[in-house]
Amino acid sequence: MTKEEIGRCFGETTPTTVEFISKQIPEVGEYVCLEYNNMQILGMIETSLRGNVALQNDIYDPKTIERIIKIGDNDFYLRGTIKILGEIEHLKIPKIPAPPGTPVYKANKEVLEKIFEKEGTIQIGSVLSQNEVKARININKMVSRHLAILAMTGAGKSNATSVIIDRLLEVNGSIIIFDMHGEYINTKFNNGSKNEIRPRINPLYLSVGEFKTLANIPNNAYVQERYFRNAYKKAKERFEETENTTGDFILEIIKEIEIEGDKAQDEENDTVPKRDYEASIVPVQNKLEDMENKYGGLFDRGDTKDIVNQIQAGSLNIVDLSSVDEQVSDIVVKHTLSNILNRRKNSIRNNIKKETLDFPIFSIIEEAHILVSEKRDTQSKYIIGKIAREGRKFGVGLCLVSQSPKALDSDSLSQINNMIVLRLVEQQDQRHVQSSSESLSEDLVKQLPSLNTGEAIILGPMTKIPLMVQIDKFNGITGGSDINIAKQWNNYKIEQEEKIKEAEEELF
């Protein structure tokens, strides 16, 4: 096996970092090998520098630089920094630093292919510095340790998500995606079936908190909340006593509120203060009626299955949230994920008396910064954080997809062990991601603004080593591509001209 020497170590070295002088321009993200003390060590170039001994920072006159160049001083040097990844066989960091003068070799295809094993993995793309080497990620560690796909708009986030979905479908993966903009409804995947699920919920199974969110009952409206809780409890008890799950549960709650209102207006009744009628009871009643009018289409009166009951194994299950507002999206995601986690717990614990979900599932949250916000509380934020902490024990994986990482809840993001980070230009985004990932070094952060579309840094246990890759191009039919504005303007102009022409012909 021929080895291509590209430079030599120099200066002080450590077991984790080496500087080297290079014979050729070092390419950031390129993998290299060092051999010393009977060890073969793998490293990745993290910085690349080019200089000239004669042209230093203390020259301030352009003419001086021109004279030096004319003299023909070509005393250029090429330098780089290598992050040590470990011994090639086991990827353990060596205890001994490389001696200065140690040769640095370009890692060949055979070395890298040993690391990217095929069993239990999916192909995600090609190594940027060596296109012939296919980069692969471990399925178990991606799903159990969760994933974040982060990028600025237009950097290739949707393509990366689609590639992962398609490759998981190829190995019979079970996926649910909460599709905020309806782009996956029209996407055609090559390796599996799609199952479209309408966002419908039986109100009988909504929690008090979920009802309060939809009805806009503020957290500090304590009296309103008390009357609502009492009405909710009584209505639910009545339904459970009669084993009725198809009636109008919301109407029953409103009836209970009305009963409280009647008590407040009854001169002989002293159990409900009269002042509460106008201040609390009527507002709650109005809010519930408004909720029923606004979100009537969300509520299932028993004519359809629960969302989780509609999930199909080995398919992409799409919950289309494009037609509902953020409040409803929040409730649907929270309600569904809570149900998924509880059923997976029942399945793992063999609790056959309760509803189960008998296969692991990978849950993808599009526009995650809306539902898992750093600055505001949402219903789904808690359950997403809980799955991030507990999901691996029960086969519930999580994938947060966002073009605004700085708006993502830092606690939830820090629980996500795997990251695919495409181009990020804003420093706030970069710092927020770096603070949530131990693996994202300062040198790699500096590369984020210069990544081209589809290029990504991949970190976490799903890959044995940090990766800089070109994500494969999704070869299905996408449903979320940008609108061709110029073409539509031109088509509209042509249509209008044709209409005018037809109208003139009718007149004459």
Protein backbone atom coordinates (compact mmCIF):
# COMPACT_ATOMS: atom_id res chain seq x y z
CA MET A 1 0.00 0.00 0.00
CA THR A 2 1.68 3.24 -1.15
CA LYS A 3 1.74 6.17 1.25
CA GLU A 4 1.66 9.80 0.13
CA GLU A 5 3.66 11.99 2.50
CA ILE A 6 2.26 15.53 2.67
CA GLY A 7 4.36 17.04 5.46
CA ARG A 8 6.14 16.76 8.79
CA CYS A 9 5.18 17.59 12.39
CA PHE A 10 7.03 20.49 14.01
CA GLY A 11 7.11 22.43 17.26
CA GLU A 12 5.49 21.17 20.44
CA THR A 13 2.92 18.40 20.00
CA THR A 14 0.22 16.98 22.31
CA PRO A 15 -1.72 13.68 22.25
CA THR A 16 -4.70 15.56 20.75
CA THR A 17 -3.15 18.26 18.52
CA VAL A 18 -0.24 18.43 16.09
CA GLU A 19 1.05 21.25 13.89
CA PHE A 20 2.79 20.38 10.65
CA ILE A 21 4.63 21.97 7.76
CA SER A 22 3.16 20.77 4.49
CA LYS A 23 4.46 20.13 0.99
CA GLN A 24 1.06 21.00 -0.48
CA ILE A 25 -1.83 23.23 0.56
CA PRO A 26 -3.55 21.43 3.46
CA GLU A 27 -7.28 20.98 2.87
CA VAL A 28 -9.48 21.52 5.92
CA GLY A 29 -11.42 18.34 6.67
CA GLU A 30 -8.83 16.07 5.02
CA TYR A 31 -7.90 12.91 6.92
CA VAL A 32 -4.23 12.12 7.56
CA CYS A 33 -2.16 9.36 9.19
CA LEU A 34 0.84 9.57 11.51
CA GLU A 35 3.02 6.57 12.40
CA TYR A 36 5.12 6.47 15.57
CA ASN A 37 5.78 4.16 18.56
CA ASN A 38 4.33 1.22 16.58
CA MET A 39 1.01 3.06 16.30
CA GLN A 40 -0.94 4.19 13.25
CA ILE A 41 -2.82 7.36 14.20
CA LEU A 42 -5.71 8.99 12.32
CA GLY A 43 -6.17 12.75 12.34
CA MET A 44 -8.18 15.45 10.60
CA ILE A 45 -6.80 18.75 9.33
CA GLU A 46 -8.67 21.54 11.12
CA THR A 47 -6.72 24.64 10.02
CA SER A 48 -4.80 25.55 6.90
CA LEU A 49 -2.35 28.45 6.62
CA ARG A 50 -0.18 29.82 3.82
CA GLY A 51 2.59 32.39 4.35
CA ASN A 52 5.82 33.90 3.07
CA VAL A 53 8.87 34.48 5.26
CA ALA A 54 9.67 37.71 3.42
CA LEU A 55 6.09 39.05 3.50
CA GLN A 56 5.25 39.40 7.19
CA ASN A 57 2.64 41.46 9.04
CA ASP A 58 5.06 44.35 9.69
CA ILE A 59 5.06 45.45 6.01
CA TYR A 60 2.66 48.34 5.41
CA ASP A 61 3.77 49.64 2.00
CA PRO A 62 2.30 47.96 -1.14
CA LYS A 63 5.38 49.06 -3.13
CA THR A 64 7.65 47.16 -0.77
CA ILE A 65 5.58 44.03 -1.39
CA GLU A 66 5.84 44.60 -5.17
CA ARG A 67 9.66 44.91 -4.95
CA ILE A 68 9.96 41.70 -2.93
CA ILE A 69 7.79 39.84 -5.45
CA LYS A 70 9.90 41.19 -8.37
CA ILE A 71 13.08 40.00 -6.71
CA GLY A 72 11.51 36.58 -7.00
CA ASP A 73 11.32 35.61 -3.38
CA ASN A 74 9.19 32.48 -3.46
CA ASP A 75 9.93 31.46 0.09
CA PHE A 76 6.35 30.36 0.76
CA TYR A 77 5.43 27.97 3.53
CA LEU A 78 2.31 25.86 4.07
CA ARG A 79 1.17 24.99 7.56
CA GLY A 80 -1.73 23.22 9.21
CA THR A 81 -3.16 21.91 12.47
CA ILE A 82 -4.21 18.29 12.90
CA LYS A 83 -6.81 17.13 15.41
CA ILE A 84 -5.85 13.62 16.55
CA LEU A 85 -8.86 11.26 16.26
CA GLY A 86 -7.17 8.14 17.63
CA GLU A 87 -5.50 4.90 16.67
CA ILE A 88 -6.97 3.63 13.42
CA GLU A 89 -7.90 0.21 14.83
CA HIS A 90 -9.94 1.34 17.85
CA LEU A 91 -9.96 5.16 17.55
CA LYS A 92 -8.56 5.59 21.06
CA ILE A 93 -6.59 8.77 21.71
CA PRO A 94 -2.88 7.88 22.19
CA LYS A 95 -1.19 8.64 25.52
CA ILE A 96 2.02 9.71 23.80
CA PRO A 97 2.30 12.77 21.50
CA ALA A 98 3.87 12.45 18.07
CA PRO A 99 7.60 13.31 17.99
CA PRO A 100 8.42 16.51 16.05
CA GLY A 101 9.54 15.53 12.57
CA THR A 102 7.03 12.65 12.34
CA PRO A 103 5.85 12.23 8.71
CA VAL A 104 2.24 13.10 7.93
CA TYR A 105 0.59 10.90 5.30
CA LYS A 106 -2.66 11.35 3.44
CA ALA A 107 -5.17 8.76 4.73
CA ASN A 108 -5.96 6.44 1.84
CA LYS A 109 -9.31 5.02 0.80
CA GLU A 110 -8.69 1.63 2.46
CA VAL A 111 -8.06 3.22 5.86
CA LEU A 112 -11.23 5.31 5.74
CA GLU A 113 -13.42 2.48 4.46
CA LYS A 114 -12.43 0.46 7.54
CA ILE A 115 -14.04 3.17 9.65
CA PHE A 116 -17.23 3.51 7.57
CA GLU A 117 -18.59 0.01 8.09
CA LYS A 118 -21.71 -0.95 6.12
CA GLU A 119 -23.57 -3.10 8.64
CA GLY A 120 -26.23 -1.15 10.53
CA THR A 121 -25.48 2.08 8.68
CA ILE A 122 -26.89 4.25 5.90
CA GLN A 123 -24.95 6.27 3.36
CA ILE A 124 -25.28 10.02 3.87
CA GLY A 125 -22.81 11.40 1.32
CA SER A 126 -19.17 11.57 0.27
CA VAL A 127 -16.13 12.73 2.25
CA LEU A 128 -15.36 16.25 1.03
CA SER A 129 -11.61 15.78 0.72
CA GLN A 130 -11.88 12.30 -0.84
CA ASN A 131 -15.04 12.04 -2.94
CA GLU A 132 -14.52 8.36 -3.69
CA VAL A 133 -15.00 7.54 0.02
CA LYS A 134 -18.68 7.23 0.95
CA ALA A 135 -19.62 8.54 4.40
CA ARG A 136 -21.99 6.39 6.44
CA ILE A 137 -23.83 6.95 9.73
CA ASN A 138 -24.96 4.39 12.30
CA ILE A 139 -28.76 3.94 12.39
CA ASN A 140 -29.04 2.78 16.01
CA LYS A 141 -26.93 5.62 17.35
CA MET A 142 -28.67 8.21 15.20
CA VAL A 143 -32.15 7.21 16.38
CA SER A 144 -31.35 6.41 20.02
CA ARG A 145 -29.07 9.43 20.55
CA HIS A 146 -31.25 11.77 18.48
CA LEU A 147 -30.30 14.17 15.68
CA ALA A 148 -30.39 17.88 14.86
CA ILE A 149 -30.21 19.11 11.26
CA LEU A 150 -29.26 22.79 11.35
CA ALA A 151 -28.66 25.23 8.50
CA MET A 152 -29.47 28.65 7.19
CA THR A 153 -32.20 28.87 4.56
CA GLY A 154 -31.10 27.46 1.21
CA ALA A 155 -28.08 25.54 2.53
CA GLY A 156 -29.53 22.07 1.86
CA LYS A 157 -31.44 21.26 5.04
CA SER A 158 -34.51 19.80 3.30
CA ASN A 159 -32.32 17.75 0.97
CA ALA A 160 -30.41 16.27 3.93
CA THR A 161 -33.69 15.44 5.70
CA SER A 162 -35.11 13.79 2.57
CA VAL A 163 -31.96 11.71 2.03
CA ILE A 164 -32.09 10.41 5.61
CA ILE A 165 -35.81 9.59 5.31
CA ASP A 166 -35.30 7.75 2.00
CA ARG A 167 -32.34 5.73 3.31
CA LEU A 168 -34.24 4.78 6.49
CA LEU A 169 -37.24 3.68 4.42
CA GLU A 170 -34.86 1.45 2.46
CA VAL A 171 -34.15 -0.50 5.68
CA ASN A 172 -37.85 -0.58 6.67
CA GLY A 173 -37.58 2.35 9.08
CA SER A 174 -40.71 3.68 10.80
CA ILE A 175 -40.82 7.48 10.72
CA ILE A 176 -43.29 10.18 11.69
CA ILE A 177 -42.73 13.74 10.48
CA PHE A 178 -44.61 16.81 11.64
CA ASP A 179 -44.73 18.72 8.36
CA MET A 180 -45.22 22.43 9.09
CA HIS A 181 -45.39 23.58 5.45
CA GLY A 182 -46.80 20.54 3.67
CA GLU A 183 -43.65 20.03 1.59
CA TYR A 184 -43.36 16.29 2.28
CA ILE A 185 -46.95 15.58 1.24
CA ASN A 186 -45.91 16.09 -2.39
CA THR A 187 -42.43 14.56 -2.07
CA LYS A 188 -42.00 11.15 -3.69
CA PHE A 189 -39.53 8.77 -2.06
CA ASN A 190 -37.92 5.89 -3.90
CA ASN A 191 -37.62 3.40 -1.06
CA GLY A 192 -40.91 3.20 0.80
CA SER A 193 -44.51 4.24 1.19
CA LYS A 194 -46.05 7.42 2.58
CA ASN A 195 -48.96 7.54 4.97
CA GLU A 196 -50.72 10.90 5.23
CA ILE A 197 -52.39 11.63 8.57
CA ARG A 198 -54.83 14.46 9.17
CA PRO A 199 -54.19 16.33 12.44
CA ARG A 200 -57.33 15.23 14.31
CA ILE A 201 -57.60 14.71 18.08
CA ASN A 202 -60.38 13.32 20.26
CA PRO A 203 -60.94 16.17 22.77
CA LEU A 204 -61.72 13.62 25.48
CA TYR A 205 -57.99 12.80 25.58
CA LEU A 206 -56.73 16.39 25.71
CA SER A 207 -55.13 17.38 29.00
CA VAL A 208 -56.22 20.42 31.01
CA GLY A 209 -53.08 22.25 29.86
CA GLU A 210 -53.78 21.49 26.19
CA PHE A 211 -57.37 22.72 26.53
CA LYS A 212 -56.18 25.89 28.25
CA THR A 213 -53.75 26.63 25.43
CA LEU A 214 -56.40 26.23 22.72
CA ALA A 215 -58.99 28.20 24.72
CA ASN A 216 -56.52 31.00 25.53
CA ILE A 217 -57.11 30.75 29.28
CA PRO A 218 -54.04 32.56 30.72
CA ASN A 219 -51.87 30.83 33.32
CA ASN A 220 -52.43 33.71 35.74
CA ALA A 221 -56.25 33.58 35.42
CA TYR A 222 -56.53 31.39 38.51
CA VAL A 223 -60.28 31.70 39.09
CA GLN A 224 -61.08 31.01 35.43
CA GLU A 225 -58.78 28.00 35.55
CA ARG A 226 -60.48 26.67 38.70
CA TYR A 227 -63.94 26.76 37.11
CA PHE A 228 -62.60 25.21 33.93
CA ARG A 229 -60.80 22.41 35.82
CA ASN A 230 -63.95 21.55 37.78
CA ALA A 231 -66.09 21.49 34.62
CA TYR A 232 -63.46 19.43 32.79
CA LYS A 233 -63.28 16.90 35.64
CA LYS A 234 -67.06 16.46 35.93
CA ALA A 235 -67.56 16.15 32.16
CA LYS A 236 -64.78 13.57 31.90
CA GLU A 237 -66.18 11.52 34.79
CA ARG A 238 -69.59 11.48 33.11
CA PHE A 239 -68.09 10.27 29.81
CA GLU A 240 -66.02 7.58 31.52
CA GLU A 241 -69.01 6.34 33.53
CA THR A 242 -71.05 5.88 30.35
CA GLU A 243 -67.99 4.64 28.34
CA ASN A 244 -68.92 7.26 25.78
CA THR A 245 -65.99 8.40 23.64
CA THR A 246 -67.87 9.69 20.64
CA GLY A 247 -70.07 12.39 22.14
CA ASP A 248 -69.35 16.11 22.18
CA PHE A 249 -66.98 16.42 25.11
CA ILE A 250 -66.47 20.16 24.64
CA LEU A 251 -70.22 20.74 24.75
CA GLU A 252 -70.36 18.84 28.05
CA ILE A 253 -67.67 21.09 29.54
CA ILE A 254 -69.59 24.18 28.41
CA LYS A 255 -72.75 22.75 30.03
CA GLU A 256 -70.90 22.30 33.32
CA ILE A 257 -69.67 25.90 33.12
CA GLU A 258 -73.27 27.03 32.52
CA ILE A 259 -74.39 25.12 35.62
CA GLU A 260 -71.80 27.04 37.65
CA GLY A 261 -73.12 30.25 36.10
CA ASP A 262 -76.68 29.40 37.09
CA LYS A 263 -75.50 28.83 40.65
CA ALA A 264 -73.84 32.24 40.71
CA GLN A 265 -77.07 33.93 39.57
CA ASP A 266 -79.27 32.01 41.99
CA GLU A 267 -80.12 34.30 44.90
CA GLU A 268 -80.55 31.34 47.25
CA ASN A 269 -77.23 29.66 46.29
CA ASP A 270 -74.13 30.72 48.19
CA THR A 271 -71.65 28.11 46.90
CA VAL A 272 -70.58 30.23 43.91
CA PRO A 273 -69.75 33.92 44.52
CA LYS A 274 -71.91 36.20 42.35
CA ARG A 275 -68.89 38.33 41.41
CA ASP A 276 -67.38 35.28 39.68
CA TYR A 277 -70.18 35.17 37.11
CA GLU A 278 -69.10 38.20 35.09
CA ALA A 279 -65.41 38.06 36.01
CA SER A 280 -64.65 34.38 35.41
CA ILE A 281 -67.52 32.08 34.44
CA VAL A 282 -68.78 34.00 31.39
CA PRO A 283 -65.22 34.57 30.04
CA VAL A 284 -64.44 30.83 30.31
CA GLN A 285 -67.70 29.93 28.59
CA ASN A 286 -67.00 32.42 25.78
CA LYS A 287 -63.45 31.16 25.33
CA LEU A 288 -64.59 27.54 25.05
CA GLU A 289 -67.25 28.49 22.51
CA ASP A 290 -64.67 30.49 20.53
CA MET A 291 -62.31 27.52 20.66
CA GLU A 292 -65.04 25.22 19.35
CA ASN A 293 -65.79 27.63 16.48
CA LYS A 294 -62.14 28.19 15.61
CA TYR A 295 -60.78 24.66 15.97
CA GLY A 296 -63.85 22.54 15.28
CA GLY A 297 -62.07 20.87 12.36
CA LEU A 298 -59.27 19.68 14.64
CA PHE A 299 -61.51 17.73 16.98
CA ASP A 300 -62.42 14.15 16.20
CA ARG A 301 -65.90 13.15 17.33
CA GLY A 302 -65.04 9.45 17.11
CA ASP A 303 -65.26 9.03 13.32
CA THR A 304 -61.49 8.69 12.84
CA LYS A 305 -58.64 6.90 14.62
CA ASP A 306 -56.23 8.60 16.98
CA ILE A 307 -53.08 9.85 15.19
CA VAL A 308 -50.87 7.19 16.79
CA ASN A 309 -53.34 4.45 15.83
CA GLN A 310 -52.87 5.52 12.20
CA ILE A 311 -49.07 5.17 12.23
CA GLN A 312 -47.88 2.48 9.80
CA ALA A 313 -44.67 0.52 10.41
CA GLY A 314 -42.00 0.74 7.71
CA SER A 315 -43.50 3.94 6.27
CA LEU A 316 -43.08 7.70 6.36
CA ASN A 317 -46.08 8.90 8.37
CA ILE A 318 -46.76 12.56 7.56
CA VAL A 319 -48.81 14.72 9.91
CA ASP A 320 -49.66 17.68 7.69
CA LEU A 321 -49.75 20.84 9.82
CA SER A 322 -49.71 23.31 6.93
CA SER A 323 -53.40 24.18 7.32
CA VAL A 324 -53.36 24.88 11.08
CA ASP A 325 -51.83 27.64 13.18
CA GLU A 326 -48.90 27.37 15.61
CA GLN A 327 -51.14 26.81 18.64
CA VAL A 328 -52.80 23.79 17.05
CA SER A 329 -49.45 22.50 15.77
CA ASP A 330 -48.11 22.76 19.30
CA ILE A 331 -51.01 20.75 20.75
CA VAL A 332 -50.92 18.11 17.99
CA VAL A 333 -47.17 17.54 18.36
CA LYS A 334 -47.31 17.45 22.17
CA HIS A 335 -50.35 15.15 22.24
CA THR A 336 -48.94 12.76 19.62
CA LEU A 337 -45.41 12.55 21.04
CA SER A 338 -46.75 12.00 24.58
CA ASN A 339 -48.92 9.19 23.25
CA ILE A 340 -46.02 7.66 21.30
CA LEU A 341 -43.70 7.70 24.34
CA ASN A 342 -46.33 6.22 26.67
CA ARG A 343 -47.23 3.45 24.22
CA ARG A 344 -43.57 2.58 23.65
CA LYS A 345 -43.11 2.36 27.43
CA ASN A 346 -46.09 0.00 27.62
CA SER A 347 -44.66 -2.07 24.79
CA ILE A 348 -41.18 -2.36 26.33
CA ARG A 349 -42.64 -3.20 29.75
CA ASN A 350 -45.06 -5.76 28.24
CA ASN A 351 -48.03 -3.90 29.67
CA ILE A 352 -50.64 -5.57 27.46
CA LYS A 353 -53.51 -4.03 29.41
CA LYS A 354 -52.71 -0.63 27.91
CA GLU A 355 -52.28 0.57 24.33
CA THR A 356 -48.85 -0.14 22.85
CA LEU A 357 -46.70 0.82 19.88
CA ASP A 358 -44.79 -2.31 18.99
CA PHE A 359 -41.96 -0.89 16.87
CA PRO A 360 -39.32 1.83 17.38
CA ILE A 361 -40.06 5.15 15.70
CA PHE A 362 -38.05 8.15 14.51
CA SER A 363 -39.90 11.45 15.05
CA ILE A 364 -38.91 14.42 12.87
CA ILE A 365 -39.93 17.94 13.95
CA GLU A 366 -39.76 20.45 11.09
CA GLU A 367 -39.35 24.16 12.02
CA ALA A 368 -38.33 22.96 15.48
CA HIS A 369 -37.47 26.49 16.68
CA ILE A 370 -41.21 27.29 16.66
CA LEU A 371 -42.19 24.45 18.99
CA VAL A 372 -38.95 24.12 20.99
CA SER A 373 -38.28 27.80 21.52
CA GLU A 374 -35.53 29.25 23.68
CA LYS A 375 -37.64 32.25 24.72
CA ARG A 376 -41.19 30.97 25.15
CA ASP A 377 -42.86 27.97 26.69
CA THR A 378 -44.95 25.66 24.55
CA GLN A 379 -46.93 22.51 25.26
CA SER A 380 -44.63 20.40 23.08
CA LYS A 381 -41.37 21.78 24.53
CA TYR A 382 -41.64 19.65 27.68
CA ILE A 383 -42.38 16.35 25.94
CA ILE A 384 -39.65 16.93 23.32
CA GLY A 385 -37.17 17.54 26.15
CA LYS A 386 -38.41 14.40 27.90
CA ILE A 387 -37.97 12.27 24.77
CA ALA A 388 -34.49 13.76 24.30
CA ARG A 389 -33.64 12.52 27.82
CA GLU A 390 -35.57 9.21 27.95
CA GLY A 391 -36.43 8.22 24.39
CA ARG A 392 -33.41 5.98 23.79
CA LYS A 393 -34.58 3.57 26.50
CA PHE A 394 -37.87 3.02 24.70
CA GLY A 395 -36.99 3.22 21.00
CA VAL A 396 -38.29 6.75 20.40
CA GLY A 397 -35.86 8.80 18.32
CA LEU A 398 -36.01 12.54 17.77
CA CYS A 399 -34.83 14.75 14.93
CA LEU A 400 -35.02 18.55 15.25
CA VAL A 401 -34.79 20.41 11.93
CA SER A 402 -34.27 24.18 12.01
CA GLN A 403 -32.92 27.12 10.02
CA SER A 404 -32.73 29.24 13.18
CA PRO A 405 -30.56 27.37 15.70
CA LYS A 406 -30.23 30.39 18.00
CA ALA A 407 -34.00 30.25 18.62
CA LEU A 408 -33.88 26.58 19.69
CA ASP A 409 -34.16 25.72 23.38
CA SER A 410 -30.57 25.18 24.55
CA ASP A 411 -31.51 22.49 27.11
CA SER A 412 -33.27 20.36 24.48
CA LEU A 413 -30.49 20.92 21.93
CA SER A 414 -27.81 19.87 24.43
CA GLN A 415 -29.60 16.50 24.81
CA ILE A 416 -29.30 15.88 21.06
CA ASN A 417 -26.02 14.01 20.65
CA ASN A 418 -25.79 13.95 16.83
CA MET A 419 -25.66 16.97 14.55
CA ILE A 420 -25.64 17.61 10.82
CA VAL A 421 -24.64 21.26 10.49
CA LEU A 422 -24.75 22.86 7.05
CA ARG A 423 -23.85 26.47 6.23
CA LEU A 424 -24.43 28.91 9.10
CA VAL A 425 -23.40 32.54 8.67
CA GLU A 426 -24.86 34.26 11.75
CA GLN A 427 -22.45 34.19 14.70
CA GLN A 428 -25.33 33.80 17.17
CA ASP A 429 -26.40 30.62 15.38
CA GLN A 430 -22.83 29.32 15.36
CA ARG A 431 -22.24 30.01 19.06
CA HIS A 432 -25.58 28.51 20.09
CA VAL A 433 -24.76 25.29 18.23
CA GLN A 434 -21.20 25.19 19.57
CA SER A 435 -22.37 25.65 23.17
CA SER A 436 -24.65 22.61 22.75
CA SER A 437 -22.01 20.31 21.23
CA GLU A 438 -18.75 19.23 22.83
CA SER A 439 -17.47 17.96 19.47
CA LEU A 440 -17.77 21.22 17.51
CA SER A 441 -14.35 22.85 17.88
CA GLU A 442 -13.58 26.51 17.28
CA ASP A 443 -11.74 25.60 14.07
CA LEU A 444 -14.75 23.70 12.70
CA VAL A 445 -17.08 26.58 13.65
CA LYS A 446 -14.94 28.87 11.48
CA GLN A 447 -15.66 26.60 8.51
CA LEU A 448 -19.47 26.91 8.77
CA PRO A 449 -19.90 30.19 6.81
CA SER A 450 -17.76 28.90 3.92
CA LEU A 451 -19.61 25.62 3.36
CA ASN A 452 -21.23 25.34 -0.05
CA THR A 453 -24.83 24.21 -0.52
CA GLY A 454 -25.13 20.57 0.53
CA GLU A 455 -21.82 20.50 2.38
CA ALA A 456 -22.05 19.66 6.07
CA ILE A 457 -20.14 18.94 9.24
CA ILE A 458 -21.42 15.76 10.90
CA LEU A 459 -20.74 15.10 14.58
CA GLY A 460 -21.80 12.67 17.27
CA PRO A 461 -21.85 8.97 18.13
CA MET A 462 -23.59 8.06 14.85
CA THR A 463 -20.21 8.58 13.16
CA LYS A 464 -16.93 7.28 14.55
CA ILE A 465 -15.06 10.41 13.49
CA PRO A 466 -16.09 14.02 12.76
CA LEU A 467 -17.04 14.33 9.10
CA MET A 468 -16.99 17.05 6.50
CA VAL A 469 -19.17 15.70 3.71
CA GLN A 470 -21.07 16.52 0.58
CA ILE A 471 -24.58 15.26 1.35
CA ASP A 472 -25.96 13.02 -1.40
CA LYS A 473 -28.53 14.67 -3.64
CA PHE A 474 -32.03 13.36 -2.97
CA ASN A 475 -33.06 11.63 -6.19
CA GLY A 476 -36.80 11.45 -5.53
CA ILE A 477 -39.29 14.16 -6.48
CA THR A 478 -39.28 17.06 -4.03
CA GLY A 479 -42.39 18.96 -3.01
CA GLY A 480 -40.86 21.94 -1.23
CA SER A 481 -38.63 23.62 -3.80
CA ASP A 482 -38.54 27.40 -4.19
CA ILE A 483 -41.13 29.08 -6.39
CA ASN A 484 -39.79 30.30 -9.73
CA ILE A 485 -40.94 33.89 -9.19
CA ALA A 486 -39.59 35.34 -12.44
CA LYS A 487 -41.30 32.60 -14.46
CA GLN A 488 -44.62 33.06 -12.66
CA TRP A 489 -44.52 36.84 -13.18
CA ASN A 490 -43.87 36.31 -16.88
CA ASN A 491 -46.62 33.67 -17.17
CA TYR A 492 -49.08 36.00 -15.42
CA LYS A 493 -48.19 38.80 -17.85
CA ILE A 494 -48.76 36.51 -20.84
CA GLU A 495 -52.11 35.32 -19.41
CA GLN A 496 -53.28 38.90 -18.89
CA GLU A 497 -52.25 39.91 -22.42
CA GLU A 498 -54.15 36.94 -23.85
CA LYS A 499 -57.26 37.88 -21.85
CA ILE A 500 -57.08 41.47 -23.14
CA LYS A 501 -56.63 40.21 -26.70
CA GLU A 502 -59.65 37.86 -26.37
CA ALA A 503 -61.77 40.68 -24.94
CA GLU A 504 -60.83 42.98 -27.83
CA GLU A 505 -61.67 40.27 -30.37
CA GLU A 506 -65.12 39.84 -28.80
CA LEU A 507 -65.76 43.59 -29.02
CA PHE A 508 -64.78 43.87 -32.64
